[in-house]
């Protein structure tokens, strides 16, 4: 059952139609592809980050929860900090080779 919270419907005008059914315009998230189908790309960035080097993993297709779970796994195995936002995982430091090995162990074979 869908959460029927009134805060999600702010700005909706009251309807006297007894058959009226409110429809949310939010976009459903895609199901997460299997690791073999993911096309992940790794790159090292330094620009716009105050001279700090980060490893960016892009190309993940799936839910935000699965992205955060993968980011947590990589951060734990590398022993560093990072974040996941807008479909990218950002890991502090230059860990490109180590991350490629971690992803291959997890089944992400199409990684460059």
PDB file of N, CA and C in Angstrom:
ATOM      1  N   UNK A   1       0.841  -1.175   0.000  1.00  0.00           N
ATOM      2  CA  UNK A   1       0.000   0.000   0.000  1.00  0.00           C
ATOM      3  C   UNK A   1       0.885   1.237   0.000  1.00  0.00           C
ATOM      4  N   UNK A   2       0.507   2.211  -0.771  1.00  0.00           N
ATOM      5  CA  UNK A   2       1.268   3.435  -0.908  1.00  0.00           C
ATOM      6  C   UNK A   2       1.022   4.338   0.292  1.00  0.00           C
ATOM      7  N   UNK A   3       2.070   5.029   0.718  1.00  0.00           N
ATOM      8  CA  UNK A   3       1.953   5.964   1.815  1.00  0.00           C
ATOM      9  C   UNK A   3       1.055   7.122   1.389  1.00  0.00           C
ATOM     10  N   UNK A   4       0.022   7.433   2.152  1.00  0.00           N
ATOM     11  CA  UNK A   4      -0.942   8.466   1.804  1.00  0.00           C
ATOM     12  C   UNK A   4      -0.720   9.681   2.698  1.00  0.00           C
ATOM     13  N   UNK A   5       0.450  10.262   2.645  1.00  0.00           N
ATOM     14  CA  UNK A   5       0.804  11.392   3.480  1.00  0.00           C
ATOM     15  C   UNK A   5       0.318  12.683   2.826  1.00  0.00           C
ATOM     16  N   UNK A   6      -0.316  13.553   3.582  1.00  0.00           N
ATOM     17  CA  UNK A   6      -0.852  14.799   3.045  1.00  0.00           C
ATOM     18  C   UNK A   6       0.245  15.739   2.583  1.00  0.00           C
ATOM     19  N   UNK A   7       1.455  15.615   3.110  1.00  0.00           N
ATOM     20  CA  UNK A   7       2.557  16.499   2.726  1.00  0.00           C
ATOM     21  C   UNK A   7       2.980  16.264   1.276  1.00  0.00           C
ATOM     22  N   UNK A   8       2.746  15.075   0.769  1.00  0.00           N
ATOM     23  CA  UNK A   8       3.074  14.781  -0.626  1.00  0.00           C
ATOM     24  C   UNK A   8       2.112  15.439  -1.596  1.00  0.00           C
ATOM     25  N   UNK A   9       0.958  15.906  -1.091  1.00  0.00           N
ATOM     26  CA  UNK A   9      -0.059  16.471  -1.969  1.00  0.00           C
ATOM     27  C   UNK A   9      -0.245  17.965  -1.762  1.00  0.00           C
ATOM     28  N   UNK A  10       0.735  18.662  -1.218  1.00  0.00           N
ATOM     29  CA  UNK A  10       0.606  20.101  -1.025  1.00  0.00           C
ATOM     30  C   UNK A  10       0.410  20.778  -2.375  1.00  0.00           C
ATOM     31  N   UNK A  11      -0.476  21.735  -2.433  1.00  0.00           N
ATOM     32  CA  UNK A  11      -0.749  22.437  -3.669  1.00  0.00           C
ATOM     33  C   UNK A  11      -1.843  21.800  -4.498  1.00  0.00           C
ATOM     34  N   UNK A  12      -2.481  20.727  -4.016  1.00  0.00           N
ATOM     35  CA  UNK A  12      -3.559  20.071  -4.744  1.00  0.00           C
ATOM     36  C   UNK A  12      -4.880  20.705  -4.310  1.00  0.00           C
ATOM     37  N   UNK A  13      -5.688  21.054  -5.272  1.00  0.00           N
ATOM     38  CA  UNK A  13      -6.988  21.654  -5.007  1.00  0.00           C
ATOM     39  C   UNK A  13      -7.974  20.554  -4.636  1.00  0.00           C
ATOM     40  N   UNK A  14      -8.861  20.861  -3.686  1.00  0.00           N
ATOM     41  CA  UNK A  14      -9.867  19.909  -3.220  1.00  0.00           C
ATOM     42  C   UNK A  14     -10.853  19.584  -4.338  1.00  0.00           C
ATOM     43  N   UNK A  15     -11.228  18.326  -4.441  1.00  0.00           N
ATOM     44  CA  UNK A  15     -12.189  17.898  -5.448  1.00  0.00           C
ATOM     45  C   UNK A  15     -13.417  17.323  -4.761  1.00  0.00           C
ATOM     46  N   UNK A  16     -14.585  17.688  -5.287  1.00  0.00           N
ATOM     47  CA  UNK A  16     -15.834  17.146  -4.748  1.00  0.00           C
ATOM     48  C   UNK A  16     -16.294  15.908  -5.499  1.00  0.00           C
ATOM     49  N   UNK A  17     -15.552  15.508  -6.504  1.00  0.00           N
ATOM     50  CA  UNK A  17     -15.880  14.329  -7.287  1.00  0.00           C
ATOM     51  C   UNK A  17     -15.617  13.081  -6.438  1.00  0.00           C
ATOM     52  N   UNK A  18     -16.637  12.260  -6.186  1.00  0.00           N
ATOM     53  CA  UNK A  18     -16.414  11.075  -5.342  1.00  0.00           C
ATOM     54  C   UNK A  18     -15.526  10.022  -6.014  1.00  0.00           C
ATOM     55  N   UNK A  19     -15.386  10.084  -7.332  1.00  0.00           N
ATOM     56  CA  UNK A  19     -14.545   9.123  -8.044  1.00  0.00           C
ATOM     57  C   UNK A  19     -13.130   9.633  -8.261  1.00  0.00           C
ATOM     58  N   UNK A  20     -12.802  10.796  -7.708  1.00  0.00           N
ATOM     59  CA  UNK A  20     -11.482  11.387  -7.918  1.00  0.00           C
ATOM     60  C   UNK A  20     -10.407  10.556  -7.233  1.00  0.00           C
ATOM     61  N   UNK A  21      -9.348  10.332  -7.952  1.00  0.00           N
ATOM     62  CA  UNK A  21      -8.212   9.600  -7.405  1.00  0.00           C
ATOM     63  C   UNK A  21      -6.949  10.407  -7.685  1.00  0.00           C
ATOM     64  N   UNK A  22      -6.267  10.807  -6.639  1.00  0.00           N
ATOM     65  CA  UNK A  22      -5.055  11.604  -6.802  1.00  0.00           C
ATOM     66  C   UNK A  22      -3.945  10.731  -7.377  1.00  0.00           C
ATOM     67  N   UNK A  23      -3.278  11.247  -8.428  1.00  0.00           N
ATOM     68  CA  UNK A  23      -2.173  10.522  -9.049  1.00  0.00           C
ATOM     69  C   UNK A  23      -0.912  11.345  -8.922  1.00  0.00           C
ATOM     70  N   UNK A  24       0.092  10.737  -8.365  1.00  0.00           N
ATOM     71  CA  UNK A  24       1.375  11.404  -8.158  1.00  0.00           C
ATOM     72  C   UNK A  24       2.168  11.395  -9.458  1.00  0.00           C
ATOM     73  N   UNK A  25       2.859  12.500  -9.753  1.00  0.00           N
ATOM     74  CA  UNK A  25       3.651  12.605 -10.975  1.00  0.00           C
ATOM     75  C   UNK A  25       5.102  12.173 -10.783  1.00  0.00           C
ATOM     76  N   UNK A  26       5.436  11.647  -9.621  1.00  0.00           N
ATOM     77  CA  UNK A  26       6.823  11.257  -9.377  1.00  0.00           C
ATOM     78  C   UNK A  26       7.214  10.087 -10.277  1.00  0.00           C
ATOM     79  N   UNK A  27       8.491  10.033 -10.596  1.00  0.00           N
ATOM     80  CA  UNK A  27       9.012   9.014 -11.495  1.00  0.00           C
ATOM     81  C   UNK A  27       9.439   7.796 -10.684  1.00  0.00           C
ATOM     82  N   UNK A  28       9.018   6.637 -11.113  1.00  0.00           N
ATOM     83  CA  UNK A  28       9.423   5.399 -10.459  1.00  0.00           C
ATOM     84  C   UNK A  28      10.880   5.109 -10.807  1.00  0.00           C
ATOM     85  N   UNK A  29      11.650   4.651  -9.830  1.00  0.00           N
ATOM     86  CA  UNK A  29      13.036   4.322 -10.097  1.00  0.00           C
ATOM     87  C   UNK A  29      13.125   2.990 -10.823  1.00  0.00           C
ATOM     88  N   UNK A  30      14.126   2.891 -11.686  1.00  0.00           N
ATOM     89  CA  UNK A  30      14.339   1.657 -12.439  1.00  0.00           C
ATOM     90  C   UNK A  30      14.839   0.558 -11.520  1.00  0.00           C
ATOM     91  N   UNK A  31      14.554  -0.668 -11.903  1.00  0.00           N
ATOM     92  CA  UNK A  31      15.121  -1.792 -11.179  1.00  0.00           C
ATOM     93  C   UNK A  31      16.616  -1.835 -11.448  1.00  0.00           C
ATOM     94  N   UNK A  32      17.352  -2.337 -10.497  1.00  0.00           N
ATOM     95  CA  UNK A  32      18.793  -2.410 -10.639  1.00  0.00           C
ATOM     96  C   UNK A  32      19.165  -3.548 -11.577  1.00  0.00           C
ATOM     97  N   UNK A  33      20.028  -3.238 -12.538  1.00  0.00           N
ATOM     98  CA  UNK A  33      20.521  -4.263 -13.450  1.00  0.00           C
ATOM     99  C   UNK A  33      21.457  -5.191 -12.707  1.00  0.00           C
ATOM    100  N   UNK A  34      21.627  -6.385 -13.213  1.00  0.00           N
ATOM    101  CA  UNK A  34      22.556  -7.328 -12.591  1.00  0.00           C
ATOM    102  C   UNK A  34      23.983  -6.808 -12.778  1.00  0.00           C
ATOM    103  N   UNK A  35      24.908  -7.226 -11.927  1.00  0.00           N
ATOM    104  CA  UNK A  35      26.290  -6.737 -12.045  1.00  0.00           C
ATOM    105  C   UNK A  35      26.921  -7.007 -13.411  1.00  0.00           C
ATOM    106  N   UNK A  36      26.563  -8.092 -14.072  1.00  0.00           N
ATOM    107  CA  UNK A  36      27.146  -8.390 -15.376  1.00  0.00           C
ATOM    108  C   UNK A  36      26.660  -7.426 -16.444  1.00  0.00           C
ATOM    109  N   UNK A  37      25.481  -6.831 -16.263  1.00  0.00           N
ATOM    110  CA  UNK A  37      24.926  -5.910 -17.245  1.00  0.00           C
ATOM    111  C   UNK A  37      25.335  -4.457 -17.014  1.00  0.00           C
ATOM    112  N   UNK A  38      25.876  -4.153 -15.868  1.00  0.00           N
ATOM    113  CA  UNK A  38      26.290  -2.787 -15.551  1.00  0.00           C
ATOM    114  C   UNK A  38      27.532  -2.413 -16.350  1.00  0.00           C
ATOM    115  N   UNK A  39      27.557  -1.189 -16.867  1.00  0.00           N
ATOM    116  CA  UNK A  39      28.726  -0.666 -17.580  1.00  0.00           C
ATOM    117  C   UNK A  39      29.302   0.476 -16.762  1.00  0.00           C
ATOM    118  N   UNK A  40      30.119   0.127 -15.777  1.00  0.00           N
ATOM    119  CA  UNK A  40      30.691   1.121 -14.882  1.00  0.00           C
ATOM    120  C   UNK A  40      31.987   1.673 -15.456  1.00  0.00           C
ATOM    121  N   UNK A  41      32.183   2.983 -15.320  1.00  0.00           N
ATOM    122  CA  UNK A  41      33.388   3.654 -15.792  1.00  0.00           C
ATOM    123  C   UNK A  41      34.038   4.368 -14.627  1.00  0.00           C
ATOM    124  N   UNK A  42      35.348   4.209 -14.496  1.00  0.00           N
ATOM    125  CA  UNK A  42      36.098   4.853 -13.432  1.00  0.00           C
ATOM    126  C   UNK A  42      36.976   5.936 -14.028  1.00  0.00           C
ATOM    127  N   UNK A  43      37.088   7.051 -13.312  1.00  0.00           N
ATOM    128  CA  UNK A  43      37.986   8.118 -13.735  1.00  0.00           C
ATOM    129  C   UNK A  43      38.530   8.824 -12.496  1.00  0.00           C
ATOM    130  N   UNK A  44      39.700   9.402 -12.653  1.00  0.00           N
ATOM    131  CA  UNK A  44      40.348  10.161 -11.589  1.00  0.00           C
ATOM    132  C   UNK A  44      40.091  11.633 -11.867  1.00  0.00           C
ATOM    133  N   UNK A  45      39.600  12.363 -10.868  1.00  0.00           N
ATOM    134  CA  UNK A  45      39.341  13.795 -11.014  1.00  0.00           C
ATOM    135  C   UNK A  45      40.111  14.567  -9.968  1.00  0.00           C
ATOM    136  N   UNK A  46      40.544  15.752 -10.373  1.00  0.00           N
ATOM    137  CA  UNK A  46      41.244  16.640  -9.462  1.00  0.00           C
ATOM    138  C   UNK A  46      40.705  18.065  -9.578  1.00  0.00           C
ATOM    139  N   UNK A  47      40.102  18.371 -10.723  1.00  0.00           N
ATOM    140  CA  UNK A  47      39.616  19.726 -10.978  1.00  0.00           C
ATOM    141  C   UNK A  47      38.389  20.052 -10.138  1.00  0.00           C
ATOM    142  N   UNK A  48      38.353  21.262  -9.602  1.00  0.00           N
ATOM    143  CA  UNK A  48      37.194  21.717  -8.850  1.00  0.00           C
ATOM    144  C   UNK A  48      37.051  21.090  -7.485  1.00  0.00           C
ATOM    145  N   UNK A  49      38.087  20.461  -6.987  1.00  0.00           N
ATOM    146  CA  UNK A  49      38.009  19.784  -5.694  1.00  0.00           C
ATOM    147  C   UNK A  49      39.098  20.266  -4.744  1.00  0.00           C
ATOM    148  N   UNK A  50      39.570  21.468  -4.966  1.00  0.00           N
ATOM    149  CA  UNK A  50      40.572  22.032  -4.059  1.00  0.00           C
ATOM    150  C   UNK A  50      41.901  21.310  -4.116  1.00  0.00           C
ATOM    151  N   UNK A  51      42.246  20.734  -5.255  1.00  0.00           N
ATOM    152  CA  UNK A  51      43.506  20.030  -5.400  1.00  0.00           C
ATOM    153  C   UNK A  51      43.490  18.603  -4.890  1.00  0.00           C
ATOM    154  N   UNK A  52      42.371  18.155  -4.349  1.00  0.00           N
ATOM    155  CA  UNK A  52      42.266  16.783  -3.842  1.00  0.00           C
ATOM    156  C   UNK A  52      41.918  15.836  -4.988  1.00  0.00           C
ATOM    157  N   UNK A  53      42.483  14.654  -4.939  1.00  0.00           N
ATOM    158  CA  UNK A  53      42.221  13.641  -5.951  1.00  0.00           C
ATOM    159  C   UNK A  53      41.081  12.744  -5.496  1.00  0.00           C
ATOM    160  N   UNK A  54      40.142  12.473  -6.410  1.00  0.00           N
ATOM    161  CA  UNK A  54      39.041  11.554  -6.120  1.00  0.00           C
ATOM    162  C   UNK A  54      38.893  10.579  -7.270  1.00  0.00           C
ATOM    163  N   UNK A  55      38.349   9.413  -6.980  1.00  0.00           N
ATOM    164  CA  UNK A  55      38.011   8.418  -7.992  1.00  0.00           C
ATOM    165  C   UNK A  55      36.495   8.430  -8.152  1.00  0.00           C
ATOM    166  N   UNK A  56      36.037   8.641  -9.379  1.00  0.00           N
ATOM    167  CA  UNK A  56      34.604   8.730  -9.657  1.00  0.00           C
ATOM    168  C   UNK A  56      34.172   7.491 -10.436  1.00  0.00           C
ATOM    169  N   UNK A  57      33.147   6.814  -9.939  1.00  0.00           N
ATOM    170  CA  UNK A  57      32.571   5.644 -10.602  1.00  0.00           C
ATOM    171  C   UNK A  57      31.220   6.079 -11.159  1.00  0.00           C
ATOM    172  N   UNK A  58      31.057   6.011 -12.464  1.00  0.00           N
ATOM    173  CA  UNK A  58      29.812   6.453 -13.088  1.00  0.00           C
ATOM    174  C   UNK A  58      29.216   5.323 -13.927  1.00  0.00           C
ATOM    175  N   UNK A  59      27.970   5.496 -14.327  1.00  0.00           N
ATOM    176  CA  UNK A  59      27.308   4.526 -15.185  1.00  0.00           C
ATOM    177  C   UNK A  59      26.448   3.520 -14.455  1.00  0.00           C
ATOM    178  N   UNK A  60      26.257   3.669 -13.147  1.00  0.00           N
ATOM    179  CA  UNK A  60      25.437   2.717 -12.393  1.00  0.00           C
ATOM    180  C   UNK A  60      23.974   2.933 -12.734  1.00  0.00           C
ATOM    181  N   UNK A  61      23.274   1.867 -13.081  1.00  0.00           N
ATOM    182  CA  UNK A  61      21.851   1.931 -13.391  1.00  0.00           C
ATOM    183  C   UNK A  61      21.086   1.117 -12.369  1.00  0.00           C
ATOM    184  N   UNK A  62      20.326   1.811 -11.551  1.00  0.00           N
ATOM    185  CA  UNK A  62      19.539   1.119 -10.539  1.00  0.00           C
ATOM    186  C   UNK A  62      19.000   2.073  -9.506  1.00  0.00           C
ATOM    187  N   UNK A  63      18.527   1.513  -8.409  1.00  0.00           N
ATOM    188  CA  UNK A  63      17.920   2.313  -7.358  1.00  0.00           C
ATOM    189  C   UNK A  63      18.986   3.027  -6.537  1.00  0.00           C
ATOM    190  N   UNK A  64      18.555   4.080  -5.860  1.00  0.00           N
ATOM    191  CA  UNK A  64      19.460   4.871  -5.020  1.00  0.00           C
ATOM    192  C   UNK A  64      19.976   4.032  -3.854  1.00  0.00           C
ATOM    193  N   UNK A  65      19.152   3.147  -3.328  1.00  0.00           N
ATOM    194  CA  UNK A  65      19.583   2.299  -2.212  1.00  0.00           C
ATOM    195  C   UNK A  65      20.693   1.343  -2.638  1.00  0.00           C
ATOM    196  N   UNK A  66      20.577   0.762  -3.825  1.00  0.00           N
ATOM    197  CA  UNK A  66      21.616  -0.142  -4.316  1.00  0.00           C
ATOM    198  C   UNK A  66      22.909   0.613  -4.597  1.00  0.00           C
ATOM    199  N   UNK A  67      22.793   1.853  -5.075  1.00  0.00           N
ATOM    200  CA  UNK A  67      23.978   2.686  -5.306  1.00  0.00           C
ATOM    201  C   UNK A  67      24.688   2.976  -3.991  1.00  0.00           C
ATOM    202  N   UNK A  68      23.921   3.312  -2.961  1.00  0.00           N
ATOM    203  CA  UNK A  68      24.514   3.587  -1.649  1.00  0.00           C
ATOM    204  C   UNK A  68      25.151   2.336  -1.054  1.00  0.00           C
ATOM    205  N   UNK A  69      24.534   1.184  -1.274  1.00  0.00           N
ATOM    206  CA  UNK A  69      25.083  -0.072  -0.757  1.00  0.00           C
ATOM    207  C   UNK A  69      26.417  -0.396  -1.432  1.00  0.00           C
ATOM    208  N   UNK A  70      26.505  -0.199  -2.751  1.00  0.00           N
ATOM    209  CA  UNK A  70      27.758  -0.427  -3.469  1.00  0.00           C
ATOM    210  C   UNK A  70      28.825   0.560  -3.017  1.00  0.00           C
ATOM    211  N   UNK A  71      28.440   1.818  -2.810  1.00  0.00           N
ATOM    212  CA  UNK A  71      29.389   2.828  -2.341  1.00  0.00           C
ATOM    213  C   UNK A  71      29.926   2.467  -0.958  1.00  0.00           C
ATOM    214  N   UNK A  72      29.057   1.996  -0.091  1.00  0.00           N
ATOM    215  CA  UNK A  72      29.472   1.600   1.263  1.00  0.00           C
ATOM    216  C   UNK A  72      30.471   0.437   1.203  1.00  0.00           C
ATOM    217  N   UNK A  73      30.211  -0.519   0.320  1.00  0.00           N
ATOM    218  CA  UNK A  73      31.114  -1.659   0.159  1.00  0.00           C
ATOM    219  C   UNK A  73      32.495  -1.196  -0.294  1.00  0.00           C
ATOM    220  N   UNK A  74      32.539  -0.324  -1.284  1.00  0.00           N
ATOM    221  CA  UNK A  74      33.815   0.151  -1.818  1.00  0.00           C
ATOM    222  C   UNK A  74      34.556   0.985  -0.781  1.00  0.00           C
ATOM    223  N   UNK A  75      33.847   1.860  -0.087  1.00  0.00           N
ATOM    224  CA  UNK A  75      34.492   2.691   0.933  1.00  0.00           C
ATOM    225  C   UNK A  75      35.073   1.843   2.054  1.00  0.00           C
ATOM    226  N   UNK A  76      34.353   0.795   2.442  1.00  0.00           N
ATOM    227  CA  UNK A  76      34.823  -0.078   3.522  1.00  0.00           C
ATOM    228  C   UNK A  76      36.065  -0.842   3.107  1.00  0.00           C
ATOM    229  N   UNK A  77      36.044  -1.402   1.903  1.00  0.00           N
ATOM    230  CA  UNK A  77      37.188  -2.205   1.450  1.00  0.00           C
ATOM    231  C   UNK A  77      38.417  -1.357   1.166  1.00  0.00           C
ATOM    232  N   UNK A  78      38.222  -0.090   0.763  1.00  0.00           N
ATOM    233  CA  UNK A  78      39.367   0.798   0.510  1.00  0.00           C
ATOM    234  C   UNK A  78      39.812   1.508   1.787  1.00  0.00           C
ATOM    235  N   UNK A  79      38.941   1.565   2.788  1.00  0.00           N
ATOM    236  CA  UNK A  79      39.284   2.224   4.043  1.00  0.00           C
ATOM    237  C   UNK A  79      39.332   3.734   3.919  1.00  0.00           C
ATOM    238  N   UNK A  80      38.489   4.305   3.076  1.00  0.00           N
ATOM    239  CA  UNK A  80      38.480   5.755   2.859  1.00  0.00           C
ATOM    240  C   UNK A  80      37.043   6.261   2.895  1.00  0.00           C
ATOM    241  N   UNK A  81      36.898   7.572   2.793  1.00  0.00           N
ATOM    242  CA  UNK A  81      35.581   8.194   2.755  1.00  0.00           C
ATOM    243  C   UNK A  81      35.113   8.381   1.331  1.00  0.00           C
ATOM    244  N   UNK A  82      33.893   8.819   1.214  1.00  0.00           N
ATOM    245  CA  UNK A  82      33.330   9.069  -0.096  1.00  0.00           C
ATOM    246  C   UNK A  82      31.838   9.314   0.009  1.00  0.00           C
ATOM    247  N   UNK A  83      31.199   9.422  -1.148  1.00  0.00           N
ATOM    248  CA  UNK A  83      29.768   9.677  -1.187  1.00  0.00           C
ATOM    249  C   UNK A  83      29.171   9.082  -2.454  1.00  0.00           C
ATOM    250  N   UNK A  84      27.847   9.012  -2.481  1.00  0.00           N
ATOM    251  CA  UNK A  84      27.148   8.578  -3.692  1.00  0.00           C
ATOM    252  C   UNK A  84      26.021   9.562  -3.939  1.00  0.00           C
ATOM    253  N   UNK A  85      26.022  10.158  -5.119  1.00  0.00           N
ATOM    254  CA  UNK A  85      24.964  11.094  -5.471  1.00  0.00           C
ATOM    255  C   UNK A  85      24.848  11.208  -6.982  1.00  0.00           C
ATOM    256  N   UNK A  86      23.626  11.439  -7.437  1.00  0.00           N
ATOM    257  CA  UNK A  86      23.330  11.644  -8.854  1.00  0.00           C
ATOM    258  C   UNK A  86      23.856  10.519  -9.738  1.00  0.00           C
ATOM    259  N   UNK A  87      23.804   9.294  -9.254  1.00  0.00           N
ATOM    260  CA  UNK A  87      24.223   8.144 -10.041  1.00  0.00           C
ATOM    261  C   UNK A  87      25.719   7.900 -10.064  1.00  0.00           C
ATOM    262  N   UNK A  88      26.495   8.698  -9.349  1.00  0.00           N
ATOM    263  CA  UNK A  88      27.949   8.542  -9.291  1.00  0.00           C
ATOM    264  C   UNK A  88      28.374   8.184  -7.872  1.00  0.00           C
ATOM    265  N   UNK A  89      29.471   7.451  -7.783  1.00  0.00           N
ATOM    266  CA  UNK A  89      30.102   7.167  -6.497  1.00  0.00           C
ATOM    267  C   UNK A  89      31.434   7.895  -6.497  1.00  0.00           C
ATOM    268  N   UNK A  90      31.668   8.710  -5.483  1.00  0.00           N
ATOM    269  CA  UNK A  90      32.897   9.488  -5.389  1.00  0.00           C
ATOM    270  C   UNK A  90      33.687   8.970  -4.197  1.00  0.00           C
ATOM    271  N   UNK A  91      34.890   8.473  -4.465  1.00  0.00           N
ATOM    272  CA  UNK A  91      35.776   7.913  -3.438  1.00  0.00           C
ATOM    273  C   UNK A  91      36.977   8.832  -3.282  1.00  0.00           C
ATOM    274  N   UNK A  92      37.314   9.173  -2.052  1.00  0.00           N
ATOM    275  CA  UNK A  92      38.438  10.065  -1.797  1.00  0.00           C
ATOM    276  C   UNK A  92      39.747   9.336  -2.063  1.00  0.00           C
ATOM    277  N   UNK A  93      40.580   9.926  -2.925  1.00  0.00           N
ATOM    278  CA  UNK A  93      41.885   9.364  -3.217  1.00  0.00           C
ATOM    279  C   UNK A  93      41.920   8.644  -4.555  1.00  0.00           C
ATOM    280  N   UNK A  94      43.127   8.230  -4.939  1.00  0.00           N
ATOM    281  CA  UNK A  94      43.350   7.533  -6.206  1.00  0.00           C
ATOM    282  C   UNK A  94      43.375   6.030  -5.937  1.00  0.00           C
ATOM    283  N   UNK A  95      42.226   5.376  -6.095  1.00  0.00           N
ATOM    284  CA  UNK A  95      42.099   3.947  -5.829  1.00  0.00           C
ATOM    285  C   UNK A  95      41.560   3.209  -7.047  1.00  0.00           C
ATOM    286  N   UNK A  96      41.874   3.687  -8.236  1.00  0.00           N
ATOM    287  CA  UNK A  96      41.276   3.132  -9.451  1.00  0.00           C
ATOM    288  C   UNK A  96      41.536   1.632  -9.587  1.00  0.00           C
ATOM    289  N   UNK A  97      42.777   1.195  -9.473  1.00  0.00           N
ATOM    290  CA  UNK A  97      43.102  -0.228  -9.642  1.00  0.00           C
ATOM    291  C   UNK A  97      42.462  -1.096  -8.559  1.00  0.00           C
ATOM    292  N   UNK A  98      42.464  -0.625  -7.332  1.00  0.00           N
ATOM    293  CA  UNK A  98      41.881  -1.388  -6.230  1.00  0.00           C
ATOM    294  C   UNK A  98      40.361  -1.505  -6.397  1.00  0.00           C
ATOM    295  N   UNK A  99      39.719  -0.430  -6.847  1.00  0.00           N
ATOM    296  CA  UNK A  99      38.269  -0.449  -7.039  1.00  0.00           C
ATOM    297  C   UNK A  99      37.891  -1.389  -8.177  1.00  0.00           C
ATOM    298  N   UNK A 100      38.695  -1.402  -9.247  1.00  0.00           N
ATOM    299  CA  UNK A 100      38.426  -2.322 -10.359  1.00  0.00           C
ATOM    300  C   UNK A 100      38.468  -3.766  -9.860  1.00  0.00           C
ATOM    301  N   UNK A 101      39.438  -4.103  -9.032  1.00  0.00           N
ATOM    302  CA  UNK A 101      39.530  -5.456  -8.478  1.00  0.00           C
ATOM    303  C   UNK A 101      38.332  -5.772  -7.578  1.00  0.00           C
ATOM    304  N   UNK A 102      37.913  -4.804  -6.752  1.00  0.00           N
ATOM    305  CA  UNK A 102      36.751  -5.014  -5.874  1.00  0.00           C
ATOM    306  C   UNK A 102      35.500  -5.255  -6.707  1.00  0.00           C
ATOM    307  N   UNK A 103      35.310  -4.461  -7.755  1.00  0.00           N
ATOM    308  CA  UNK A 103      34.122  -4.603  -8.599  1.00  0.00           C
ATOM    309  C   UNK A 103      34.124  -5.938  -9.335  1.00  0.00           C
ATOM    310  N   UNK A 104      35.288  -6.385  -9.789  1.00  0.00           N
ATOM    311  CA  UNK A 104      35.362  -7.686 -10.465  1.00  0.00           C
ATOM    312  C   UNK A 104      35.046  -8.824  -9.505  1.00  0.00           C
ATOM    313  N   UNK A 105      35.464  -8.705  -8.250  1.00  0.00           N
ATOM    314  CA  UNK A 105      35.140  -9.722  -7.252  1.00  0.00           C
ATOM    315  C   UNK A 105      33.638  -9.775  -6.982  1.00  0.00           C
ATOM    316  N   UNK A 106      32.974  -8.634  -7.106  1.00  0.00           N
ATOM    317  CA  UNK A 106      31.529  -8.564  -6.863  1.00  0.00           C
ATOM    318  C   UNK A 106      30.707  -8.927  -8.093  1.00  0.00           C
ATOM    319  N   UNK A 107      31.361  -9.196  -9.232  1.00  0.00           N
ATOM    320  CA  UNK A 107      30.637  -9.627 -10.429  1.00  0.00           C
ATOM    321  C   UNK A 107      30.453  -8.555 -11.480  1.00  0.00           C
ATOM    322  N   UNK A 108      30.987  -7.359 -11.263  1.00  0.00           N
ATOM    323  CA  UNK A 108      30.886  -6.281 -12.253  1.00  0.00           C
ATOM    324  C   UNK A 108      32.011  -6.464 -13.262  1.00  0.00           C
ATOM    325  N   UNK A 109      31.753  -7.265 -14.288  1.00  0.00           N
ATOM    326  CA  UNK A 109      32.798  -7.637 -15.250  1.00  0.00           C
ATOM    327  C   UNK A 109      33.031  -6.580 -16.311  1.00  0.00           C
ATOM    328  N   UNK A 110      32.059  -5.747 -16.600  1.00  0.00           N
ATOM    329  CA  UNK A 110      32.166  -4.739 -17.654  1.00  0.00           C
ATOM    330  C   UNK A 110      32.579  -3.404 -17.044  1.00  0.00           C
ATOM    331  N   UNK A 111      33.793  -3.358 -16.508  1.00  0.00           N
ATOM    332  CA  UNK A 111      34.279  -2.169 -15.806  1.00  0.00           C
ATOM    333  C   UNK A 111      35.579  -1.713 -16.437  1.00  0.00           C
ATOM    334  N   UNK A 112      35.671  -0.406 -16.668  1.00  0.00           N
ATOM    335  CA  UNK A 112      36.904   0.157 -17.223  1.00  0.00           C
ATOM    336  C   UNK A 112      37.299   1.397 -16.465  1.00  0.00           C
TER     337      UNK A 112
END
